[in-house]
Amino acid sequence: VQLQASGGGLVQAGGSRRLSCMKTGSIFGLFTMAWYRQAPGNQRELVATIDMDDSTNYADSVKGRFTISRDKAKHTVDLQMNCLNPEDTAVYYCNVALLFPAHNYWGQGTLVTVSS
């Protein structure tokens, strides 16, 4: 399984950006897809998750601004980010978490820089 993230770049505060992650390869079993981010000097943190039934969860810091979605046919998971602020600057990673046996797959990360 490989995850390829794209869509990062430089955006002004208040702007929007859409990240996309394409999954290649098959996963057998229950899994959750997610976006994480890691800002300079900080630990990686969970941004949003989407389950196989399309239920979603968000970090408090992005609720109401970010939307995670997935296209099952295209094997992609997207993160629409609106009302960006400089605190959103980070490398964003897509993730697939297989529940059993437990295993995490990671994409290579894509940098989002929000200028003030």
C-alpha atoms as a PDB file:
ATOM      1  CA  VAL A   1       0.000   0.000   0.000  1.00  0.00           C
ATOM      2  CA  GLN A   2       1.293   3.423  -0.916  1.00  0.00           C
ATOM      3  CA  LEU A   3      -0.135   6.841  -0.172  1.00  0.00           C
ATOM      4  CA  GLN A   4       0.667   9.830  -2.348  1.00  0.00           C
ATOM      5  CA  ALA A   5      -0.271  13.229  -0.972  1.00  0.00           C
ATOM      6  CA  SER A   6      -0.485  16.386  -3.023  1.00  0.00           C
ATOM      7  CA  GLY A   7      -1.874  19.904  -2.910  1.00  0.00           C
ATOM      8  CA  GLY A   8       0.431  21.650  -0.500  1.00  0.00           C
ATOM      9  CA  GLY A   9       1.813  25.099  -1.130  1.00  0.00           C
ATOM     10  CA  LEU A  10       1.794  28.684  -0.012  1.00  0.00           C
ATOM     11  CA  VAL A  11      -1.518  30.334   0.815  1.00  0.00           C
ATOM     12  CA  GLN A  12      -2.432  33.636   2.420  1.00  0.00           C
ATOM     13  CA  ALA A  13      -4.233  33.783   5.727  1.00  0.00           C
ATOM     14  CA  GLY A  14      -7.952  33.480   5.209  1.00  0.00           C
ATOM     15  CA  GLY A  15      -7.495  31.481   2.056  1.00  0.00           C
ATOM     16  CA  SER A  16      -8.279  27.896   1.174  1.00  0.00           C
ATOM     17  CA  ARG A  17      -6.370  24.861   0.080  1.00  0.00           C
ATOM     18  CA  ARG A  18      -7.370  21.346  -0.886  1.00  0.00           C
ATOM     19  CA  LEU A  19      -5.119  18.401  -0.183  1.00  0.00           C
ATOM     20  CA  SER A  20      -5.547  15.060  -1.847  1.00  0.00           C
ATOM     21  CA  CYS A  21      -4.144  11.643  -1.063  1.00  0.00           C
ATOM     22  CA  MET A  22      -4.276   8.726  -3.411  1.00  0.00           C
ATOM     23  CA  LYS A  23      -4.067   5.187  -2.102  1.00  0.00           C
ATOM     24  CA  THR A  24      -2.643   2.473  -4.298  1.00  0.00           C
ATOM     25  CA  GLY A  25      -2.703  -1.169  -3.330  1.00  0.00           C
ATOM     26  CA  SER A  26      -5.344  -3.141  -1.511  1.00  0.00           C
ATOM     27  CA  ILE A  27      -6.201  -3.227   2.149  1.00  0.00           C
ATOM     28  CA  PHE A  28      -8.216  -6.109   3.499  1.00  0.00           C
ATOM     29  CA  GLY A  29     -10.173  -5.421   6.632  1.00  0.00           C
ATOM     30  CA  LEU A  30     -11.508  -2.434   8.508  1.00  0.00           C
ATOM     31  CA  PHE A  31      -9.532   0.762   8.264  1.00  0.00           C
ATOM     32  CA  THR A  32      -9.761   4.473   8.903  1.00  0.00           C
ATOM     33  CA  MET A  33      -8.312   7.179   6.723  1.00  0.00           C
ATOM     34  CA  ALA A  34      -6.995  10.357   8.225  1.00  0.00           C
ATOM     35  CA  TRP A  35      -4.945  13.490   7.861  1.00  0.00           C
ATOM     36  CA  TYR A  36      -2.291  14.436  10.382  1.00  0.00           C
ATOM     37  CA  ARG A  37      -0.011  17.419  10.511  1.00  0.00           C
ATOM     38  CA  GLN A  38       3.280  18.333  12.056  1.00  0.00           C
ATOM     39  CA  ALA A  39       4.347  21.905  12.571  1.00  0.00           C
ATOM     40  CA  PRO A  40       8.015  22.794  13.099  1.00  0.00           C
ATOM     41  CA  GLY A  41       9.082  21.851  16.598  1.00  0.00           C
ATOM     42  CA  ASN A  42       5.791  20.145  17.350  1.00  0.00           C
ATOM     43  CA  GLN A  43       4.629  16.576  17.492  1.00  0.00           C
ATOM     44  CA  ARG A  44       2.482  15.129  14.780  1.00  0.00           C
ATOM     45  CA  GLU A  45      -1.174  15.708  15.545  1.00  0.00           C
ATOM     46  CA  LEU A  46      -4.407  14.309  14.247  1.00  0.00           C
ATOM     47  CA  VAL A  47      -6.401  16.683  12.070  1.00  0.00           C
ATOM     48  CA  ALA A  48      -9.354  14.647  10.805  1.00  0.00           C
ATOM     49  CA  THR A  49     -10.490  11.082  10.313  1.00  0.00           C
ATOM     50  CA  ILE A  50     -13.024   9.372   8.109  1.00  0.00           C
ATOM     51  CA  ASP A  51     -14.242   5.857   8.727  1.00  0.00           C
ATOM     52  CA  MET A  52     -15.431   3.231   6.295  1.00  0.00           C
ATOM     53  CA  ASP A  53     -19.023   4.342   6.920  1.00  0.00           C
ATOM     54  CA  ASP A  54     -17.951   7.916   6.106  1.00  0.00           C
ATOM     55  CA  SER A  55     -18.350   9.145   9.649  1.00  0.00           C
ATOM     56  CA  THR A  56     -15.874  11.920  10.393  1.00  0.00           C
ATOM     57  CA  ASN A  57     -14.066  13.444  13.333  1.00  0.00           C
ATOM     58  CA  TYR A  58     -12.030  16.611  13.588  1.00  0.00           C
ATOM     59  CA  ALA A  59      -9.539  18.192  15.900  1.00  0.00           C
ATOM     60  CA  ASP A  60     -11.101  21.093  17.769  1.00  0.00           C
ATOM     61  CA  SER A  61      -8.668  23.488  16.141  1.00  0.00           C
ATOM     62  CA  VAL A  62     -10.022  22.784  12.650  1.00  0.00           C
ATOM     63  CA  LYS A  63     -13.710  22.125  13.275  1.00  0.00           C
ATOM     64  CA  GLY A  64     -15.889  24.218  11.024  1.00  0.00           C
ATOM     65  CA  ARG A  65     -12.960  25.076   8.759  1.00  0.00           C
ATOM     66  CA  PHE A  66     -11.683  21.751   7.424  1.00  0.00           C
ATOM     67  CA  THR A  67     -13.622  18.987   5.725  1.00  0.00           C
ATOM     68  CA  ILE A  68     -12.362  15.466   5.109  1.00  0.00           C
ATOM     69  CA  SER A  69     -13.918  13.389   2.377  1.00  0.00           C
ATOM     70  CA  ARG A  70     -13.104  10.378   0.324  1.00  0.00           C
ATOM     71  CA  ASP A  71     -13.863   8.984  -3.080  1.00  0.00           C
ATOM     72  CA  LYS A  72     -14.073   5.234  -2.809  1.00  0.00           C
ATOM     73  CA  ALA A  73     -13.974   4.729  -6.546  1.00  0.00           C
ATOM     74  CA  LYS A  74     -10.827   6.825  -6.973  1.00  0.00           C
ATOM     75  CA  HIS A  75      -9.224   5.595  -3.735  1.00  0.00           C
ATOM     76  CA  THR A  76      -8.567   9.126  -2.599  1.00  0.00           C
ATOM     77  CA  VAL A  77      -9.068  11.035   0.598  1.00  0.00           C
ATOM     78  CA  ASP A  78      -9.178  14.817   0.465  1.00  0.00           C
ATOM     79  CA  LEU A  79      -8.883  17.579   3.013  1.00  0.00           C
ATOM     80  CA  GLN A  80     -10.574  20.855   2.159  1.00  0.00           C
ATOM     81  CA  MET A  81      -9.089  23.584   4.295  1.00  0.00           C
ATOM     82  CA  ASN A  82     -10.815  26.951   4.566  1.00  0.00           C
ATOM     83  CA  CYS A  83     -10.153  30.072   6.593  1.00  0.00           C
ATOM     84  CA  LEU A  84      -6.516  29.115   6.959  1.00  0.00           C
ATOM     85  CA  ASN A  85      -4.352  30.896   9.488  1.00  0.00           C
ATOM     86  CA  PRO A  86      -0.597  30.826  10.125  1.00  0.00           C
ATOM     87  CA  GLU A  87      -1.093  28.272  12.910  1.00  0.00           C
ATOM     88  CA  ASP A  88      -2.175  25.807  10.223  1.00  0.00           C
ATOM     89  CA  THR A  89       1.310  25.873   8.722  1.00  0.00           C
ATOM     90  CA  ALA A  90       2.626  22.331   8.824  1.00  0.00           C
ATOM     91  CA  VAL A  91       3.536  19.267   6.854  1.00  0.00           C
ATOM     92  CA  TYR A  92       0.317  17.372   6.286  1.00  0.00           C
ATOM     93  CA  TYR A  93       0.370  13.592   6.157  1.00  0.00           C
ATOM     94  CA  CYS A  94      -2.303  11.223   5.008  1.00  0.00           C
ATOM     95  CA  ASN A  95      -2.733   8.043   6.949  1.00  0.00           C
ATOM     96  CA  VAL A  96      -4.519   4.746   6.661  1.00  0.00           C
ATOM     97  CA  ALA A  97      -4.928   2.860   9.909  1.00  0.00           C
ATOM     98  CA  LEU A  98      -5.740  -0.807   9.541  1.00  0.00           C
ATOM     99  CA  LEU A  99      -7.592  -1.937  12.631  1.00  0.00           C
ATOM    100  CA  PHE A 100      -6.703  -5.607  12.659  1.00  0.00           C
ATOM    101  CA  PRO A 101      -3.929  -6.457  12.587  1.00  0.00           C
ATOM    102  CA  ALA A 102      -3.052  -2.939  13.664  1.00  0.00           C
ATOM    103  CA  HIS A 103      -0.890  -1.202  11.114  1.00  0.00           C
ATOM    104  CA  ASN A 104      -0.385   2.361   9.970  1.00  0.00           C
ATOM    105  CA  TYR A 105       0.412   3.429   6.450  1.00  0.00           C
ATOM    106  CA  TRP A 106       1.781   6.930   5.872  1.00  0.00           C
ATOM    107  CA  GLY A 107       2.117   9.195   2.890  1.00  0.00           C
ATOM    108  CA  GLN A 108       5.203  11.289   2.332  1.00  0.00           C
ATOM    109  CA  GLY A 109       3.709  14.559   3.571  1.00  0.00           C
ATOM    110  CA  THR A 110       2.909  17.786   1.797  1.00  0.00           C
ATOM    111  CA  LEU A 111       3.848  21.199   3.147  1.00  0.00           C
ATOM    112  CA  VAL A 112       1.220  23.864   3.650  1.00  0.00           C
ATOM    113  CA  THR A 113       2.509  27.330   4.497  1.00  0.00           C
ATOM    114  CA  VAL A 114       0.045  30.016   5.508  1.00  0.00           C
ATOM    115  CA  SER A 115       1.377  33.539   5.344  1.00  0.00           C
ATOM    116  CA  SER A 116      -0.007  36.317   7.490  1.00  0.00           C
END
